[in-house]
Amino acid sequence: MTLITQGKNVFREALTEQNYGDVNSQSPSDRYIENGSFLRLSSMSLSYDFGRLHGWVNNLSVYATCNNVFTLTSYKGCDPEVSLGGLTPGIDWRKDYYPHTRTFMLGMKVSF
């Protein structure tokens, strides 16, 4: 509860489910453990080869790639793929985490 008074981000459930007088709130428990199952399409590429065009282009290919296409989950945090290493494995430290970004790349390969 001290994080709320300091203006920090906390679970929404901390406002409704945590009792201010709960002296065991900092003890290890399964109070805030949630299902971290997810389905992620992390990379997708499509390409098309036009072949020979109008006699002066020997080969033309176009392609598109997208990273971090989508993630399906009921996990409430930024990313269900939390770190499993370090001093606190499996804990989603939301204060210093930057979520995965979606990137798009388009390209063309031409041979004359």
PDB file of N, CA and C in Angstrom:
ATOM      1  N   MET A   1       0.817  -1.193   0.000  1.00  0.00           N
ATOM      2  CA  MET A   1       0.000   0.000   0.000  1.00  0.00           C
ATOM      3  C   MET A   1       0.861   1.259   0.000  1.00  0.00           C
ATOM      4  N   THR A   2       2.111   1.149   0.434  1.00  0.00           N
ATOM      5  CA  THR A   2       2.972   2.332   0.434  1.00  0.00           C
ATOM      6  C   THR A   2       3.266   2.803  -0.985  1.00  0.00           C
ATOM      7  N   LEU A   3       3.242   1.896  -1.962  1.00  0.00           N
ATOM      8  CA  LEU A   3       3.466   2.297  -3.342  1.00  0.00           C
ATOM      9  C   LEU A   3       2.351   3.221  -3.842  1.00  0.00           C
ATOM     10  N   ILE A   4       1.123   2.967  -3.403  1.00  0.00           N
ATOM     11  CA  ILE A   4       0.005   3.812  -3.809  1.00  0.00           C
ATOM     12  C   ILE A   4       0.181   5.216  -3.247  1.00  0.00           C
ATOM     13  N   THR A   5       0.556   5.318  -1.994  1.00  0.00           N
ATOM     14  CA  THR A   5       0.729   6.642  -1.390  1.00  0.00           C
ATOM     15  C   THR A   5       1.901   7.396  -1.997  1.00  0.00           C
ATOM     16  N   GLN A   6       2.861   6.672  -2.607  1.00  0.00           N
ATOM     17  CA  GLN A   6       3.994   7.316  -3.271  1.00  0.00           C
ATOM     18  C   GLN A   6       3.692   7.665  -4.728  1.00  0.00           C
ATOM     19  N   GLY A   7       2.475   7.320  -5.199  1.00  0.00           N
ATOM     20  CA  GLY A   7       2.095   7.621  -6.577  1.00  0.00           C
ATOM     21  C   GLY A   7       2.630   6.645  -7.591  1.00  0.00           C
ATOM     22  N   LYS A   8       2.994   5.436  -7.170  1.00  0.00           N
ATOM     23  CA  LYS A   8       3.543   4.424  -8.083  1.00  0.00           C
ATOM     24  C   LYS A   8       2.415   3.598  -8.701  1.00  0.00           C
ATOM     25  N   ASN A   9       2.729   2.937  -9.810  1.00  0.00           N
ATOM     26  CA  ASN A   9       1.773   2.041 -10.448  1.00  0.00           C
ATOM     27  C   ASN A   9       1.695   0.742  -9.674  1.00  0.00           C
ATOM     28  N   VAL A  10       0.475   0.278  -9.423  1.00  0.00           N
ATOM     29  CA  VAL A  10       0.258  -0.985  -8.724  1.00  0.00           C
ATOM     30  C   VAL A  10      -0.899  -1.714  -9.397  1.00  0.00           C
ATOM     31  N   PHE A  11      -1.119  -2.943  -8.983  1.00  0.00           N
ATOM     32  CA  PHE A  11      -2.267  -3.693  -9.467  1.00  0.00           C
ATOM     33  C   PHE A  11      -3.554  -2.973  -9.077  1.00  0.00           C
ATOM     34  N   ARG A  12      -4.533  -2.985  -9.957  1.00  0.00           N
ATOM     35  CA  ARG A  12      -5.838  -2.406  -9.654  1.00  0.00           C
ATOM     36  C   ARG A  12      -6.488  -3.132  -8.472  1.00  0.00           C
ATOM     37  N   GLU A  13      -6.217  -4.433  -8.371  1.00  0.00           N
ATOM     38  CA  GLU A  13      -6.793  -5.231  -7.296  1.00  0.00           C
ATOM     39  C   GLU A  13      -6.273  -4.809  -5.920  1.00  0.00           C
ATOM     40  N   ALA A  14      -5.140  -4.147  -5.875  1.00  0.00           N
ATOM     41  CA  ALA A  14      -4.588  -3.716  -4.590  1.00  0.00           C
ATOM     42  C   ALA A  14      -5.520  -2.727  -3.902  1.00  0.00           C
ATOM     43  N   LEU A  15      -6.290  -1.983  -4.670  1.00  0.00           N
ATOM     44  CA  LEU A  15      -7.217  -1.018  -4.086  1.00  0.00           C
ATOM     45  C   LEU A  15      -8.435  -1.684  -3.471  1.00  0.00           C
ATOM     46  N   THR A  16      -8.866  -2.804  -4.053  1.00  0.00           N
ATOM     47  CA  THR A  16     -10.108  -3.426  -3.594  1.00  0.00           C
ATOM     48  C   THR A  16      -9.896  -4.692  -2.777  1.00  0.00           C
ATOM     49  N   GLU A  17      -8.848  -5.439  -3.047  1.00  0.00           N
ATOM     50  CA  GLU A  17      -8.676  -6.740  -2.409  1.00  0.00           C
ATOM     51  C   GLU A  17      -7.702  -6.740  -1.241  1.00  0.00           C
ATOM     52  N   GLN A  18      -6.852  -5.751  -1.144  1.00  0.00           N
ATOM     53  CA  GLN A  18      -5.861  -5.764  -0.073  1.00  0.00           C
ATOM     54  C   GLN A  18      -6.351  -4.911   1.095  1.00  0.00           C
ATOM     55  N   ASN A  19      -6.353  -5.505   2.257  1.00  0.00           N
ATOM     56  CA  ASN A  19      -6.793  -4.830   3.469  1.00  0.00           C
ATOM     57  C   ASN A  19      -5.635  -4.004   4.033  1.00  0.00           C
ATOM     58  N   TYR A  20      -5.918  -2.758   4.418  1.00  0.00           N
ATOM     59  CA  TYR A  20      -4.862  -1.890   4.954  1.00  0.00           C
ATOM     60  C   TYR A  20      -4.243  -2.471   6.224  1.00  0.00           C
ATOM     61  N   GLY A  21      -5.013  -3.195   6.998  1.00  0.00           N
ATOM     62  CA  GLY A  21      -4.502  -3.750   8.245  1.00  0.00           C
ATOM     63  C   GLY A  21      -3.876  -5.121   8.099  1.00  0.00           C
ATOM     64  N   ASP A  22      -3.713  -5.605   6.892  1.00  0.00           N
ATOM     65  CA  ASP A  22      -3.160  -6.937   6.654  1.00  0.00           C
ATOM     66  C   ASP A  22      -1.652  -6.907   6.897  1.00  0.00           C
ATOM     67  N   VAL A  23      -1.220  -7.474   8.011  1.00  0.00           N
ATOM     68  CA  VAL A  23       0.204  -7.466   8.355  1.00  0.00           C
ATOM     69  C   VAL A  23       0.986  -8.503   7.560  1.00  0.00           C
ATOM     70  N   ASN A  24       0.303  -9.442   6.909  1.00  0.00           N
ATOM     71  CA  ASN A  24       0.966 -10.485   6.128  1.00  0.00           C
ATOM     72  C   ASN A  24       1.002 -10.158   4.633  1.00  0.00           C
ATOM     73  N   SER A  25       0.702  -8.912   4.263  1.00  0.00           N
ATOM     74  CA  SER A  25       0.616  -8.581   2.840  1.00  0.00           C
ATOM     75  C   SER A  25       1.948  -8.700   2.116  1.00  0.00           C
ATOM     76  N   GLN A  26       3.058  -8.600   2.821  1.00  0.00           N
ATOM     77  CA  GLN A  26       4.375  -8.697   2.189  1.00  0.00           C
ATOM     78  C   GLN A  26       4.950 -10.106   2.242  1.00  0.00           C
ATOM     79  N   SER A  27       4.246 -11.032   2.880  1.00  0.00           N
ATOM     80  CA  SER A  27       4.716 -12.419   2.987  1.00  0.00           C
ATOM     81  C   SER A  27       4.525 -13.144   1.666  1.00  0.00           C
ATOM     82  N   PRO A  28       5.395 -14.094   1.362  1.00  0.00           N
ATOM     83  CA  PRO A  28       5.222 -14.866   0.127  1.00  0.00           C
ATOM     84  C   PRO A  28       3.884 -15.608   0.120  1.00  0.00           C
ATOM     85  N   SER A  29       3.143 -15.489  -0.958  1.00  0.00           N
ATOM     86  CA  SER A  29       1.859 -16.173  -1.109  1.00  0.00           C
ATOM     87  C   SER A  29       1.507 -16.214  -2.588  1.00  0.00           C
ATOM     88  N   ASP A  30       0.366 -16.815  -2.888  1.00  0.00           N
ATOM     89  CA  ASP A  30      -0.112 -16.871  -4.265  1.00  0.00           C
ATOM     90  C   ASP A  30      -1.181 -15.808  -4.522  1.00  0.00           C
ATOM     91  N   ARG A  31      -1.190 -14.768  -3.736  1.00  0.00           N
ATOM     92  CA  ARG A  31      -2.209 -13.720  -3.822  1.00  0.00           C
ATOM     93  C   ARG A  31      -2.258 -13.068  -5.199  1.00  0.00           C
ATOM     94  N   TYR A  32      -1.127 -12.767  -5.780  1.00  0.00           N
ATOM     95  CA  TYR A  32      -1.110 -12.061  -7.056  1.00  0.00           C
ATOM     96  C   TYR A  32      -0.581 -12.913  -8.207  1.00  0.00           C
ATOM     97  N   ILE A  33      -0.616 -14.222  -8.049  1.00  0.00           N
ATOM     98  CA  ILE A  33      -0.203 -15.106  -9.141  1.00  0.00           C
ATOM     99  C   ILE A  33      -1.382 -15.280 -10.080  1.00  0.00           C
ATOM    100  N   GLU A  34      -1.124 -15.144 -11.374  1.00  0.00           N
ATOM    101  CA  GLU A  34      -2.178 -15.323 -12.358  1.00  0.00           C
ATOM    102  C   GLU A  34      -1.678 -16.205 -13.501  1.00  0.00           C
ATOM    103  N   ASN A  35      -2.590 -16.673 -14.292  1.00  0.00           N
ATOM    104  CA  ASN A  35      -2.268 -17.544 -15.413  1.00  0.00           C
ATOM    105  C   ASN A  35      -1.479 -16.752 -16.449  1.00  0.00           C
ATOM    106  N   GLY A  36      -0.312 -17.236 -16.798  1.00  0.00           N
ATOM    107  CA  GLY A  36       0.538 -16.552 -17.768  1.00  0.00           C
ATOM    108  C   GLY A  36       0.560 -17.225 -19.125  1.00  0.00           C
ATOM    109  N   SER A  37      -0.436 -18.059 -19.434  1.00  0.00           N
ATOM    110  CA  SER A  37      -0.474 -18.722 -20.738  1.00  0.00           C
ATOM    111  C   SER A  37      -0.661 -17.688 -21.846  1.00  0.00           C
ATOM    112  N   PHE A  38       0.017 -17.909 -22.965  1.00  0.00           N
ATOM    113  CA  PHE A  38      -0.138 -16.984 -24.080  1.00  0.00           C
ATOM    114  C   PHE A  38       0.192 -17.670 -25.387  1.00  0.00           C
ATOM    115  N   LEU A  39      -0.304 -17.087 -26.462  1.00  0.00           N
ATOM    116  CA  LEU A  39       0.006 -17.513 -27.819  1.00  0.00           C
ATOM    117  C   LEU A  39       0.528 -16.280 -28.544  1.00  0.00           C
ATOM    118  N   ARG A  40       1.727 -16.372 -29.094  1.00  0.00           N
ATOM    119  CA  ARG A  40       2.349 -15.214 -29.728  1.00  0.00           C
ATOM    120  C   ARG A  40       2.834 -15.586 -31.126  1.00  0.00           C
ATOM    121  N   LEU A  41       2.526 -14.718 -32.081  1.00  0.00           N
ATOM    122  CA  LEU A  41       3.135 -14.805 -33.407  1.00  0.00           C
ATOM    123  C   LEU A  41       4.209 -13.731 -33.425  1.00  0.00           C
ATOM    124  N   SER A  42       5.454 -14.145 -33.279  1.00  0.00           N
ATOM    125  CA  SER A  42       6.535 -13.181 -33.095  1.00  0.00           C
ATOM    126  C   SER A  42       7.097 -12.644 -34.409  1.00  0.00           C
ATOM    127  N   SER A  43       6.999 -13.410 -35.486  1.00  0.00           N
ATOM    128  CA  SER A  43       7.552 -12.932 -36.750  1.00  0.00           C
ATOM    129  C   SER A  43       6.781 -13.537 -37.921  1.00  0.00           C
ATOM    130  N   MET A  44       6.525 -12.706 -38.928  1.00  0.00           N
ATOM    131  CA  MET A  44       5.820 -13.179 -40.116  1.00  0.00           C
ATOM    132  C   MET A  44       6.427 -12.491 -41.336  1.00  0.00           C
ATOM    133  N   SER A  45       6.716 -13.264 -42.370  1.00  0.00           N
ATOM    134  CA  SER A  45       7.281 -12.718 -43.607  1.00  0.00           C
ATOM    135  C   SER A  45       6.481 -13.213 -44.804  1.00  0.00           C
ATOM    136  N   LEU A  46       6.268 -12.322 -45.733  1.00  0.00           N
ATOM    137  CA  LEU A  46       5.600 -12.651 -46.988  1.00  0.00           C
ATOM    138  C   LEU A  46       6.445 -12.095 -48.121  1.00  0.00           C
ATOM    139  N   SER A  47       6.534 -12.847 -49.203  1.00  0.00           N
ATOM    140  CA  SER A  47       7.273 -12.345 -50.366  1.00  0.00           C
ATOM    141  C   SER A  47       6.594 -12.828 -51.643  1.00  0.00           C
ATOM    142  N   TYR A  48       6.853 -12.093 -52.709  1.00  0.00           N
ATOM    143  CA  TYR A  48       6.309 -12.450 -54.019  1.00  0.00           C
ATOM    144  C   TYR A  48       7.370 -12.154 -55.069  1.00  0.00           C
ATOM    145  N   ASP A  49       7.547 -13.099 -55.982  1.00  0.00           N
ATOM    146  CA  ASP A  49       8.525 -12.970 -57.059  1.00  0.00           C
ATOM    147  C   ASP A  49       7.768 -12.740 -58.371  1.00  0.00           C
ATOM    148  N   PHE A  50       7.972 -11.570 -58.984  1.00  0.00           N
ATOM    149  CA  PHE A  50       7.313 -11.241 -60.242  1.00  0.00           C
ATOM    150  C   PHE A  50       8.037 -11.834 -61.443  1.00  0.00           C
ATOM    151  N   GLY A  51       9.272 -12.202 -61.260  1.00  0.00           N
ATOM    152  CA  GLY A  51      10.047 -12.758 -62.364  1.00  0.00           C
ATOM    153  C   GLY A  51      10.492 -11.680 -63.345  1.00  0.00           C
ATOM    154  N   ARG A  52      10.585 -12.049 -64.620  1.00  0.00           N
ATOM    155  CA  ARG A  52      11.063 -11.119 -65.667  1.00  0.00           C
ATOM    156  C   ARG A  52       9.910 -10.191 -66.069  1.00  0.00           C
ATOM    157  N   LEU A  53      10.219  -8.877 -66.130  1.00  0.00           N
ATOM    158  CA  LEU A  53       9.208  -7.879 -66.504  1.00  0.00           C
ATOM    159  C   LEU A  53       9.686  -7.049 -67.694  1.00  0.00           C
ATOM    160  N   HIS A  54       8.917  -7.001 -68.745  1.00  0.00           N
ATOM    161  CA  HIS A  54       9.107  -6.105 -69.898  1.00  0.00           C
ATOM    162  C   HIS A  54      10.505  -6.141 -70.496  1.00  0.00           C
ATOM    163  N   GLY A  55      11.221  -7.187 -70.341  1.00  0.00           N
ATOM    164  CA  GLY A  55      12.505  -7.344 -70.993  1.00  0.00           C
ATOM    165  C   GLY A  55      13.673  -6.620 -70.348  1.00  0.00           C
ATOM    166  N   TRP A  56      13.486  -5.533 -69.651  1.00  0.00           N
ATOM    167  CA  TRP A  56      14.610  -4.796 -69.068  1.00  0.00           C
ATOM    168  C   TRP A  56      14.803  -5.095 -67.586  1.00  0.00           C
ATOM    169  N   VAL A  57      13.849  -5.719 -66.926  1.00  0.00           N
ATOM    170  CA  VAL A  57      13.998  -6.155 -65.532  1.00  0.00           C
ATOM    171  C   VAL A  57      14.077  -7.678 -65.542  1.00  0.00           C
ATOM    172  N   ASN A  58      15.224  -8.219 -65.147  1.00  0.00           N
ATOM    173  CA  ASN A  58      15.406  -9.670 -65.151  1.00  0.00           C
ATOM    174  C   ASN A  58      14.647 -10.350 -64.024  1.00  0.00           C
ATOM    175  N   ASN A  59      14.577  -9.703 -62.877  1.00  0.00           N
ATOM    176  CA  ASN A  59      13.881 -10.309 -61.735  1.00  0.00           C
ATOM    177  C   ASN A  59      13.419  -9.204 -60.790  1.00  0.00           C
ATOM    178  N   LEU A  60      12.185  -9.317 -60.279  1.00  0.00           N
ATOM    179  CA  LEU A  60      11.646  -8.365 -59.309  1.00  0.00           C
ATOM    180  C   LEU A  60      10.967  -9.149 -58.199  1.00  0.00           C
ATOM    181  N   SER A  61      11.407  -8.911 -56.967  1.00  0.00           N
ATOM    182  CA  SER A  61      10.811  -9.544 -55.789  1.00  0.00           C
ATOM    183  C   SER A  61      10.466  -8.456 -54.777  1.00  0.00           C
ATOM    184  N   VAL A  62       9.316  -8.578 -54.153  1.00  0.00           N
ATOM    185  CA  VAL A  62       8.932  -7.673 -53.062  1.00  0.00           C
ATOM    186  C   VAL A  62       8.658  -8.525 -51.832  1.00  0.00           C
ATOM    187  N   TYR A  63       8.925  -7.952 -50.663  1.00  0.00           N
ATOM    188  CA  TYR A  63       8.695  -8.699 -49.437  1.00  0.00           C
ATOM    189  C   TYR A  63       8.275  -7.759 -48.312  1.00  0.00           C
ATOM    190  N   ALA A  64       7.622  -8.336 -47.321  1.00  0.00           N
ATOM    191  CA  ALA A  64       7.201  -7.601 -46.123  1.00  0.00           C
ATOM    192  C   ALA A  64       7.414  -8.512 -44.921  1.00  0.00           C
ATOM    193  N   THR A  65       7.917  -7.932 -43.839  1.00  0.00           N
ATOM    194  CA  THR A  65       8.152  -8.668 -42.599  1.00  0.00           C
ATOM    195  C   THR A  65       7.580  -7.861 -41.445  1.00  0.00           C
ATOM    196  N   CYS A  66       6.934  -8.555 -40.528  1.00  0.00           N
ATOM    197  CA  CYS A  66       6.405  -7.911 -39.323  1.00  0.00           C
ATOM    198  C   CYS A  66       6.891  -8.709 -38.109  1.00  0.00           C
ATOM    199  N   ASN A  67       7.417  -8.016 -37.112  1.00  0.00           N
ATOM    200  CA  ASN A  67       7.835  -8.636 -35.853  1.00  0.00           C
ATOM    201  C   ASN A  67       6.856  -8.255 -34.749  1.00  0.00           C
ATOM    202  N   ASN A  68       6.632  -9.187 -33.812  1.00  0.00           N
ATOM    203  CA  ASN A  68       5.669  -9.013 -32.728  1.00  0.00           C
ATOM    204  C   ASN A  68       4.284  -8.738 -33.305  1.00  0.00           C
ATOM    205  N   VAL A  69       3.786  -9.651 -34.124  1.00  0.00           N
ATOM    206  CA  VAL A  69       2.528  -9.484 -34.839  1.00  0.00           C
ATOM    207  C   VAL A  69       1.361  -9.405 -33.862  1.00  0.00           C
ATOM    208  N   PHE A  70       1.213 -10.409 -32.988  1.00  0.00           N
ATOM    209  CA  PHE A  70       0.155 -10.353 -31.977  1.00  0.00           C
ATOM    210  C   PHE A  70       0.477 -11.285 -30.824  1.00  0.00           C
ATOM    211  N   THR A  71      -0.174 -11.034 -29.689  1.00  0.00           N
ATOM    212  CA  THR A  71      -0.094 -11.887 -28.511  1.00  0.00           C
ATOM    213  C   THR A  71      -1.498 -12.060 -27.957  1.00  0.00           C
ATOM    214  N   LEU A  72      -1.950 -13.302 -27.818  1.00  0.00           N
ATOM    215  CA  LEU A  72      -3.257 -13.600 -27.235  1.00  0.00           C
ATOM    216  C   LEU A  72      -3.039 -14.113 -25.815  1.00  0.00           C
ATOM    217  N   THR A  73      -3.608 -13.419 -24.828  1.00  0.00           N
ATOM    218  CA  THR A  73      -3.447 -13.820 -23.436  1.00  0.00           C
ATOM    219  C   THR A  73      -4.496 -13.134 -22.568  1.00  0.00           C
ATOM    220  N   SER A  74      -4.733 -13.679 -21.411  1.00  0.00           N
ATOM    221  CA  SER A  74      -5.584 -13.011 -20.423  1.00  0.00           C
ATOM    222  C   SER A  74      -4.734 -12.395 -19.321  1.00  0.00           C
ATOM    223  N   TYR A  75      -3.425 -12.425 -19.488  1.00  0.00           N
ATOM    224  CA  TYR A  75      -2.493 -11.858 -18.522  1.00  0.00           C
ATOM    225  C   TYR A  75      -2.672 -10.340 -18.462  1.00  0.00           C
ATOM    226  N   LYS A  76      -2.707  -9.776 -17.270  1.00  0.00           N
ATOM    227  CA  LYS A  76      -2.994  -8.356 -17.100  1.00  0.00           C
ATOM    228  C   LYS A  76      -1.768  -7.462 -17.200  1.00  0.00           C
ATOM    229  N   GLY A  77      -0.585  -8.028 -17.188  1.00  0.00           N
ATOM    230  CA  GLY A  77       0.633  -7.231 -17.248  1.00  0.00           C
ATOM    231  C   GLY A  77       0.978  -6.808 -18.664  1.00  0.00           C
ATOM    232  N   CYS A  78       2.151  -6.202 -18.811  1.00  0.00           N
ATOM    233  CA  CYS A  78       2.603  -5.732 -20.128  1.00  0.00           C
ATOM    234  C   CYS A  78       2.908  -6.893 -21.065  1.00  0.00           C
ATOM    235  N   ASP A  79       3.565  -7.912 -20.560  1.00  0.00           N
ATOM    236  CA  ASP A  79       4.006  -9.017 -21.396  1.00  0.00           C
ATOM    237  C   ASP A  79       4.025 -10.289 -20.559  1.00  0.00           C
ATOM    238  N   PRO A  80       3.339 -11.352 -20.990  1.00  0.00           N
ATOM    239  CA  PRO A  80       3.335 -12.593 -20.209  1.00  0.00           C
ATOM    240  C   PRO A  80       4.674 -13.326 -20.222  1.00  0.00           C
ATOM    241  N   GLU A  81       5.578 -12.944 -21.094  1.00  0.00           N
ATOM    242  CA  GLU A  81       6.884 -13.596 -21.184  1.00  0.00           C
ATOM    243  C   GLU A  81       7.852 -12.882 -20.233  1.00  0.00           C
ATOM    244  N   VAL A  82       7.709 -13.159 -18.941  1.00  0.00           N
ATOM    245  CA  VAL A  82       8.532 -12.495 -17.934  1.00  0.00           C
ATOM    246  C   VAL A  82       9.903 -13.155 -17.859  1.00  0.00           C
ATOM    247  N   SER A  83      10.847 -12.449 -17.287  1.00  0.00           N
ATOM    248  CA  SER A  83      12.207 -12.953 -17.154  1.00  0.00           C
ATOM    249  C   SER A  83      12.257 -14.103 -16.147  1.00  0.00           C
ATOM    250  N   LEU A  84      12.977 -15.142 -16.489  1.00  0.00           N
ATOM    251  CA  LEU A  84      13.120 -16.280 -15.583  1.00  0.00           C
ATOM    252  C   LEU A  84      14.516 -16.352 -14.983  1.00  0.00           C
ATOM    253  N   GLY A  85      15.298 -15.313 -15.155  1.00  0.00           N
ATOM    254  CA  GLY A  85      16.653 -15.298 -14.619  1.00  0.00           C
ATOM    255  C   GLY A  85      16.806 -14.187 -13.590  1.00  0.00           C
ATOM    256  N   GLY A  86      18.011 -14.000 -13.142  1.00  0.00           N
ATOM    257  CA  GLY A  86      18.293 -12.921 -12.204  1.00  0.00           C
ATOM    258  C   GLY A  86      17.946 -13.282 -10.769  1.00  0.00           C
ATOM    259  N   LEU A  87      17.778 -12.263  -9.946  1.00  0.00           N
ATOM    260  CA  LEU A  87      17.509 -12.471  -8.526  1.00  0.00           C
ATOM    261  C   LEU A  87      16.045 -12.763  -8.227  1.00  0.00           C
ATOM    262  N   THR A  88      15.141 -12.346  -9.114  1.00  0.00           N
ATOM    263  CA  THR A  88      13.704 -12.539  -8.886  1.00  0.00           C
ATOM    264  C   THR A  88      13.070 -13.205 -10.097  1.00  0.00           C
ATOM    265  N   PRO A  89      13.291 -14.498 -10.301  1.00  0.00           N
ATOM    266  CA  PRO A  89      12.751 -15.163 -11.494  1.00  0.00           C
ATOM    267  C   PRO A  89      11.235 -15.231 -11.474  1.00  0.00           C
ATOM    268  N   GLY A  90      10.624 -14.908 -12.617  1.00  0.00           N
ATOM    269  CA  GLY A  90       9.182 -15.019 -12.769  1.00  0.00           C
ATOM    270  C   GLY A  90       8.395 -13.836 -12.257  1.00  0.00           C
ATOM    271  N   ILE A  91       9.043 -12.807 -11.754  1.00  0.00           N
ATOM    272  CA  ILE A  91       8.325 -11.643 -11.256  1.00  0.00           C
ATOM    273  C   ILE A  91       8.310 -10.579 -12.344  1.00  0.00           C
ATOM    274  N   ASP A  92       7.129 -10.051 -12.618  1.00  0.00           N
ATOM    275  CA  ASP A  92       6.945  -9.044 -13.655  1.00  0.00           C
ATOM    276  C   ASP A  92       7.162  -7.659 -13.049  1.00  0.00           C
ATOM    277  N   TRP A  93       8.408  -7.183 -13.095  1.00  0.00           N
ATOM    278  CA  TRP A  93       8.719  -5.856 -12.568  1.00  0.00           C
ATOM    279  C   TRP A  93       8.283  -4.833 -13.591  1.00  0.00           C
ATOM    280  N   ARG A  94       7.112  -4.279 -13.424  1.00  0.00           N
ATOM    281  CA  ARG A  94       6.528  -3.370 -14.408  1.00  0.00           C
ATOM    282  C   ARG A  94       7.129  -1.976 -14.359  1.00  0.00           C
ATOM    283  N   LYS A  95       7.889  -1.666 -13.347  1.00  0.00           N
ATOM    284  CA  LYS A  95       8.428  -0.313 -13.232  1.00  0.00           C
ATOM    285  C   LYS A  95       9.622  -0.066 -14.154  1.00  0.00           C
ATOM    286  N   ASP A  96      10.309  -1.112 -14.590  1.00  0.00           N
ATOM    287  CA  ASP A  96      11.487  -0.915 -15.428  1.00  0.00           C
ATOM    288  C   ASP A  96      11.450  -1.782 -16.690  1.00  0.00           C
ATOM    289  N   TYR A  97      10.277  -2.035 -17.202  1.00  0.00           N
ATOM    290  CA  TYR A  97      10.125  -2.897 -18.360  1.00  0.00           C
ATOM    291  C   TYR A  97       9.520  -2.112 -19.515  1.00  0.00           C
ATOM    292  N   TYR A  98      10.105  -2.243 -20.687  1.00  0.00           N
ATOM    293  CA  TYR A  98       9.563  -1.631 -21.884  1.00  0.00           C
ATOM    294  C   TYR A  98       8.978  -2.748 -22.742  1.00  0.00           C
ATOM    295  N   PRO A  99       7.699  -2.679 -23.088  1.00  0.00           N
ATOM    296  CA  PRO A  99       7.070  -3.784 -23.823  1.00  0.00           C
ATOM    297  C   PRO A  99       7.656  -3.971 -25.222  1.00  0.00           C
ATOM    298  N   HIS A 100       7.440  -5.153 -25.774  1.00  0.00           N
ATOM    299  CA  HIS A 100       7.900  -5.460 -27.126  1.00  0.00           C
ATOM    300  C   HIS A 100       7.234  -4.511 -28.119  1.00  0.00           C
ATOM    301  N   THR A 101       7.989  -4.038 -29.087  1.00  0.00           N
ATOM    302  CA  THR A 101       7.432  -3.151 -30.104  1.00  0.00           C
ATOM    303  C   THR A 101       7.126  -3.940 -31.369  1.00  0.00           C
ATOM    304  N   ARG A 102       6.136  -3.458 -32.091  1.00  0.00           N
ATOM    305  CA  ARG A 102       5.794  -4.070 -33.372  1.00  0.00           C
ATOM    306  C   ARG A 102       6.555  -3.324 -34.451  1.00  0.00           C
ATOM    307  N   THR A 103       7.251  -4.060 -35.310  1.00  0.00           N
ATOM    308  CA  THR A 103       8.015  -3.433 -36.384  1.00  0.00           C
ATOM    309  C   THR A 103       7.581  -3.989 -37.732  1.00  0.00           C
ATOM    310  N   PHE A 104       7.628  -3.137 -38.725  1.00  0.00           N
ATOM    311  CA  PHE A 104       7.296  -3.510 -40.097  1.00  0.00           C
ATOM    312  C   PHE A 104       8.494  -3.200 -40.977  1.00  0.00           C
ATOM    313  N   MET A 105       8.771  -4.084 -41.919  1.00  0.00           N
ATOM    314  CA  MET A 105       9.853  -3.859 -42.858  1.00  0.00           C
ATOM    315  C   MET A 105       9.362  -4.255 -44.261  1.00  0.00           C
ATOM    316  N   LEU A 106       9.520  -3.361 -45.197  1.00  0.00           N
ATOM    317  CA  LEU A 106       9.155  -3.619 -46.585  1.00  0.00           C
ATOM    318  C   LEU A 106      10.430  -3.562 -47.411  1.00  0.00           C
ATOM    319  N   GLY A 107      10.502  -4.395 -48.443  1.00  0.00           N
ATOM    320  CA  GLY A 107      11.695  -4.399 -49.271  1.00  0.00           C
ATOM    321  C   GLY A 107      11.428  -4.835 -50.689  1.00  0.00           C
ATOM    322  N   MET A 108      12.382  -4.551 -51.528  1.00  0.00           N
ATOM    323  CA  MET A 108      12.278  -4.903 -52.919  1.00  0.00           C
ATOM    324  C   MET A 108      13.668  -5.291 -53.431  1.00  0.00           C
ATOM    325  N   LYS A 109      13.723  -6.331 -54.253  1.00  0.00           N
ATOM    326  CA  LYS A 109      14.976  -6.776 -54.854  1.00  0.00           C
ATOM    327  C   LYS A 109      14.788  -6.777 -56.369  1.00  0.00           C
ATOM    328  N   VAL A 110      15.609  -6.005 -57.029  1.00  0.00           N
ATOM    329  CA  VAL A 110      15.493  -5.847 -58.481  1.00  0.00           C
ATOM    330  C   VAL A 110      16.806  -6.238 -59.137  1.00  0.00           C
ATOM    331  N   SER A 111      16.744  -7.036 -60.192  1.00  0.00           N
ATOM    332  CA  SER A 111      17.912  -7.399 -61.005  1.00  0.00           C
ATOM    333  C   SER A 111      17.686  -6.893 -62.424  1.00  0.00           C
ATOM    334  N   PHE A 112      18.680  -6.173 -62.953  1.00  0.00           N
ATOM    335  CA  PHE A 112      18.575  -5.639 -64.331  1.00  0.00           C
ATOM    336  C   PHE A 112      19.405  -6.463 -65.280  1.00  0.00           C
TER     337      PHE A 112
END
